[in-house]
Amino acid sequence: MAQIELDGIDRRFHLGDSEVHALREVSLRIEAGEYVAVMGPSGSGKSTLLNLLGLLDRPNRGAYRLEGRDVTTLSADEQAAVRRARIGFVFQSFHLVPRLTAAENIGLPLMLAGVPAAARAPRVAQALREFGLEERARHRPEELSGGQRQRVAIARATIMRPAMLLADEPTGNLDRATGQEVTALLEALNAAGTTLIVVTHDPAMGARARRRILMEDGAIAHDLRTAEIA
């Protein structure tokens, strides 16, 4: 069973008197464990597609099935529950809570899910070890480097062990060496079975994915797998 199935997804926005046709009849299948790069020029619909996959937005028309379940029919609260349990997000600008330490940021999804403090602590400690952040556990975001902030963000995104990780320009604010480290972390998670979908303008990062979806004007212009790209 495909993990993600989009059928005839259409999304329109109104900006003042103008209508923006952000997604045009998008149909797509992504299997569990795939590594997909979504690419294309600005305004092509990449971020709208990612927001829709992450249940941060709803289509005007079409169906979205996640792990066989039609999530477009769910209420906002039901979608939020699916988002917390099954989907992780990594953003270019990190989106960490400034007043919380690295450990507290990582543990935030567990707290919001109602996991008791005694059960949260060992999971956060394990994440700090796995992401090389033990010595930065008590530091707040402004005391961390860009690479450390992104590692905290990835640890937070995966602390609930989601089935799918959505990354929007995850290396965009990082230097090349740090970006390569972050990419390696994301690819290790994918190798362990997490479905990884990355929106990127970076051709080097896009070339690492086993599948590239190229978008133009809200539609899928090309859907290329590694064998077809080579």
Protein backbone atom coordinates (compact mmCIF):
# COMPACT_ATOMS: atom_id res chain seq x y z
CA MET A 1 0.00 0.00 0.00
CA ALA A 2 1.30 3.44 -0.90
CA GLN A 3 1.93 5.60 2.12
CA ILE A 4 0.81 8.75 0.27
CA GLU A 5 -1.84 8.90 -2.43
CA LEU A 6 -2.96 12.21 -3.92
CA ASP A 7 -5.79 12.15 -6.46
CA GLY A 8 -6.75 15.28 -8.40
CA ILE A 9 -5.56 17.74 -5.76
CA ASP A 10 -6.47 21.32 -6.58
CA ARG A 11 -5.60 24.32 -4.38
CA ARG A 12 -6.52 27.95 -5.02
CA PHE A 13 -5.85 31.05 -2.92
CA HIS A 14 -7.30 34.53 -3.13
CA LEU A 15 -4.86 37.40 -2.71
CA GLY A 16 -6.86 40.59 -2.84
CA ASP A 17 -8.73 40.53 -6.14
CA SER A 18 -6.40 37.90 -7.63
CA GLU A 19 -6.75 34.13 -7.57
CA VAL A 20 -3.62 32.01 -7.27
CA HIS A 21 -3.92 28.49 -8.66
CA ALA A 22 -1.24 26.95 -6.42
CA LEU A 23 -1.84 23.28 -7.25
CA ARG A 24 -3.46 21.97 -10.43
CA GLU A 25 -4.93 18.47 -10.48
CA VAL A 26 -1.94 16.89 -8.73
CA SER A 27 -1.99 13.09 -8.55
CA LEU A 28 0.89 11.33 -6.88
CA ARG A 29 1.89 8.07 -5.15
CA ILE A 30 4.76 7.85 -2.69
CA GLU A 31 5.60 4.50 -1.14
CA ALA A 32 6.64 4.05 2.47
CA GLY A 33 10.39 4.59 2.91
CA GLU A 34 10.93 6.59 -0.29
CA TYR A 35 13.39 9.50 -0.51
CA VAL A 36 11.85 12.22 -2.68
CA ALA A 37 13.10 15.68 -3.64
CA VAL A 38 10.46 18.22 -4.72
CA MET A 39 12.04 20.86 -6.95
CA GLY A 40 11.06 23.72 -9.22
CA PRO A 41 11.16 27.51 -9.47
CA SER A 42 9.68 29.85 -6.85
CA GLY A 43 5.91 29.91 -7.11
CA SER A 44 5.70 26.46 -8.69
CA GLY A 45 3.67 24.98 -5.81
CA LYS A 46 6.40 23.17 -3.87
CA SER A 47 5.65 24.63 -0.45
CA THR A 48 1.89 24.40 -0.98
CA LEU A 49 2.31 20.70 -1.75
CA LEU A 50 4.45 20.21 1.36
CA ASN A 51 1.93 22.03 3.56
CA LEU A 52 -0.85 19.89 2.19
CA LEU A 53 1.12 16.67 2.76
CA GLY A 54 1.76 17.84 6.32
CA LEU A 55 -1.93 18.56 6.96
CA LEU A 56 -1.19 22.24 7.45
CA ASP A 57 -3.51 23.06 4.55
CA ARG A 58 -6.55 21.55 2.84
CA PRO A 59 -7.20 21.19 -0.89
CA ASN A 60 -10.18 22.79 -2.59
CA ARG A 61 -10.74 19.58 -4.50
CA GLY A 62 -9.30 16.07 -4.58
CA ALA A 63 -8.43 13.34 -2.09
CA TYR A 64 -5.37 12.75 0.08
CA ARG A 65 -4.92 9.29 1.57
CA LEU A 66 -2.19 8.80 4.16
CA GLU A 67 -1.42 5.17 4.97
CA GLY A 68 -4.72 4.21 3.35
CA ARG A 69 -6.82 6.74 5.29
CA ASP A 70 -8.57 9.65 3.60
CA VAL A 71 -7.29 12.50 5.75
CA THR A 72 -9.05 15.24 3.77
CA THR A 73 -12.33 14.23 5.45
CA LEU A 74 -10.98 14.58 9.00
CA SER A 75 -11.81 17.45 11.35
CA ALA A 76 -9.08 19.94 12.28
CA ASP A 77 -8.56 18.18 15.64
CA GLU A 78 -8.36 14.78 13.97
CA GLN A 79 -5.85 16.10 11.45
CA ALA A 80 -3.77 17.58 14.29
CA ALA A 81 -3.68 14.18 15.99
CA VAL A 82 -2.46 12.51 12.79
CA ARG A 83 0.11 15.27 12.30
CA ARG A 84 1.52 14.83 15.82
CA ALA A 85 1.72 11.05 15.57
CA ARG A 86 2.77 10.39 11.97
CA ILE A 87 4.43 13.50 10.47
CA GLY A 88 7.63 15.36 11.35
CA PHE A 89 8.65 18.78 10.01
CA VAL A 90 12.07 20.38 9.45
CA PHE A 91 12.20 24.00 8.26
CA GLN A 92 14.89 26.26 6.84
CA SER A 93 14.51 28.73 9.73
CA PHE A 94 14.46 26.01 12.42
CA HIS A 95 11.31 27.32 14.22
CA LEU A 96 12.70 26.57 17.68
CA VAL A 97 11.08 28.13 20.77
CA PRO A 98 13.60 30.81 21.89
CA ARG A 99 12.93 30.56 25.62
CA LEU A 100 13.32 26.77 25.74
CA THR A 101 16.61 24.89 25.98
CA ALA A 102 17.68 22.38 23.33
CA ALA A 103 16.42 19.52 25.51
CA GLU A 104 13.10 21.27 26.14
CA ASN A 105 12.62 21.99 22.42
CA ILE A 106 13.27 18.35 21.58
CA GLY A 107 10.83 17.17 24.23
CA LEU A 108 8.08 19.61 23.28
CA PRO A 109 6.12 17.21 20.99
CA LEU A 110 6.13 14.58 23.76
CA MET A 111 4.80 17.11 26.25
CA LEU A 112 2.07 18.26 23.84
CA ALA A 113 1.12 14.61 23.29
CA GLY A 114 0.67 14.15 27.04
CA VAL A 115 3.67 11.89 27.62
CA PRO A 116 4.57 12.05 31.36
CA ALA A 117 7.81 13.80 32.31
CA ALA A 118 9.31 10.56 33.65
CA ALA A 119 8.78 8.90 30.26
CA ARG A 120 9.93 11.96 28.30
CA ALA A 121 13.33 12.27 29.98
CA PRO A 122 14.95 9.07 28.69
CA ARG A 123 13.67 9.63 25.15
CA VAL A 124 15.02 13.19 25.10
CA ALA A 125 18.35 11.99 26.54
CA GLN A 126 18.58 9.35 23.81
CA ALA A 127 17.84 11.95 21.12
CA LEU A 128 20.50 14.28 22.52
CA ARG A 129 23.05 11.45 22.31
CA GLU A 130 22.02 10.36 18.82
CA PHE A 131 22.27 13.89 17.43
CA GLY A 132 25.50 14.81 19.24
CA LEU A 133 23.86 17.45 21.41
CA GLU A 134 24.49 16.21 24.94
CA GLU A 135 26.83 19.09 25.77
CA ARG A 136 24.32 21.63 24.40
CA ALA A 137 21.24 20.26 26.18
CA ARG A 138 20.82 23.26 28.48
CA HIS A 139 21.60 25.90 25.86
CA ARG A 140 18.89 28.04 24.28
CA PRO A 141 18.70 28.50 20.49
CA GLU A 142 20.61 31.80 20.43
CA GLU A 143 23.53 29.99 22.09
CA LEU A 144 23.69 27.34 19.35
CA SER A 145 25.28 27.36 15.91
CA GLY A 146 23.12 27.00 12.82
CA GLY A 147 24.02 23.35 12.46
CA GLN A 148 23.24 22.68 16.12
CA ARG A 149 19.88 24.42 15.79
CA GLN A 150 18.99 22.28 12.79
CA ARG A 151 20.03 19.13 14.65
CA VAL A 152 17.74 20.16 17.51
CA ALA A 153 14.97 20.76 14.97
CA ILE A 154 15.47 17.32 13.40
CA ALA A 155 15.57 15.65 16.82
CA ARG A 156 12.33 17.42 17.74
CA ALA A 157 10.75 16.41 14.41
CA THR A 158 11.57 12.74 14.94
CA ILE A 159 11.09 12.34 18.72
CA MET A 160 7.56 10.97 18.10
CA ARG A 161 9.01 8.46 15.60
CA PRO A 162 6.93 9.70 12.66
CA ALA A 163 6.39 7.65 9.53
CA MET A 164 7.05 10.66 7.30
CA LEU A 165 9.53 13.54 7.56
CA LEU A 166 8.89 16.71 5.54
CA ALA A 167 11.87 19.04 5.12
CA ASP A 168 11.50 22.51 3.58
CA GLU A 169 14.92 23.80 2.41
CA PRO A 170 16.57 22.15 5.45
CA THR A 171 20.09 23.28 4.47
CA GLY A 172 19.12 26.73 3.17
CA ASN A 173 20.54 28.67 6.14
CA LEU A 174 23.65 26.54 6.58
CA ASP A 175 27.16 26.64 5.14
CA ARG A 176 28.10 23.84 2.77
CA ALA A 177 29.92 21.62 5.29
CA THR A 178 27.18 21.93 7.90
CA GLY A 179 24.55 21.39 5.22
CA GLN A 180 26.24 18.13 4.27
CA GLU A 181 26.14 17.00 7.92
CA VAL A 182 22.43 17.78 8.15
CA THR A 183 21.77 15.99 4.86
CA ALA A 184 23.58 12.92 6.19
CA LEU A 185 21.37 12.95 9.30
CA LEU A 186 18.21 13.11 7.21
CA GLU A 187 19.43 10.34 4.93
CA ALA A 188 20.26 8.14 7.92
CA LEU A 189 16.68 8.52 9.13
CA ASN A 190 15.44 7.57 5.67
CA ALA A 191 17.75 4.54 5.61
CA ALA A 192 16.14 3.46 8.89
CA GLY A 193 12.72 3.46 7.20
CA THR A 194 11.34 6.99 7.50
CA THR A 195 9.75 8.38 4.34
CA LEU A 196 11.73 11.54 3.50
CA ILE A 197 10.30 14.33 1.32
CA VAL A 198 12.56 17.34 0.81
CA VAL A 199 11.70 20.63 -0.89
CA THR A 200 14.93 22.15 -2.17
CA HIS A 201 16.38 24.60 -4.68
CA ASP A 202 19.81 22.99 -4.24
CA PRO A 203 20.63 20.77 -7.26
CA ALA A 204 23.27 18.90 -5.24
CA MET A 205 20.77 17.93 -2.57
CA GLY A 206 18.11 17.12 -5.14
CA ALA A 207 20.54 14.83 -6.95
CA ARG A 208 20.95 12.72 -3.80
CA ALA A 209 17.27 11.74 -3.69
CA ARG A 210 16.19 8.52 -5.35
CA ARG A 211 13.23 10.32 -6.90
CA ARG A 212 12.80 13.91 -8.10
CA ILE A 213 9.44 15.57 -8.60
CA LEU A 214 9.81 18.73 -10.70
CA MET A 215 6.97 21.23 -10.41
CA GLU A 216 5.91 24.03 -12.74
CA ASP A 217 2.89 26.32 -12.37
CA GLY A 218 1.29 24.16 -9.68
CA ALA A 219 1.54 20.91 -11.62
CA ILE A 220 3.98 18.00 -11.72
CA ALA A 221 6.06 18.54 -14.84
CA HIS A 222 8.38 15.55 -14.37
CA ASP A 223 8.55 12.62 -11.94
CA LEU A 224 11.98 11.04 -12.29
CA ARG A 225 13.46 8.08 -10.46
CA THR A 226 17.18 7.40 -10.06
CA ALA A 227 17.38 4.96 -12.98
CA GLU A 228 15.72 7.53 -15.24
CA ILE A 229 17.96 10.37 -14.05
CA ALA A 230 21.24 8.48 -14.48
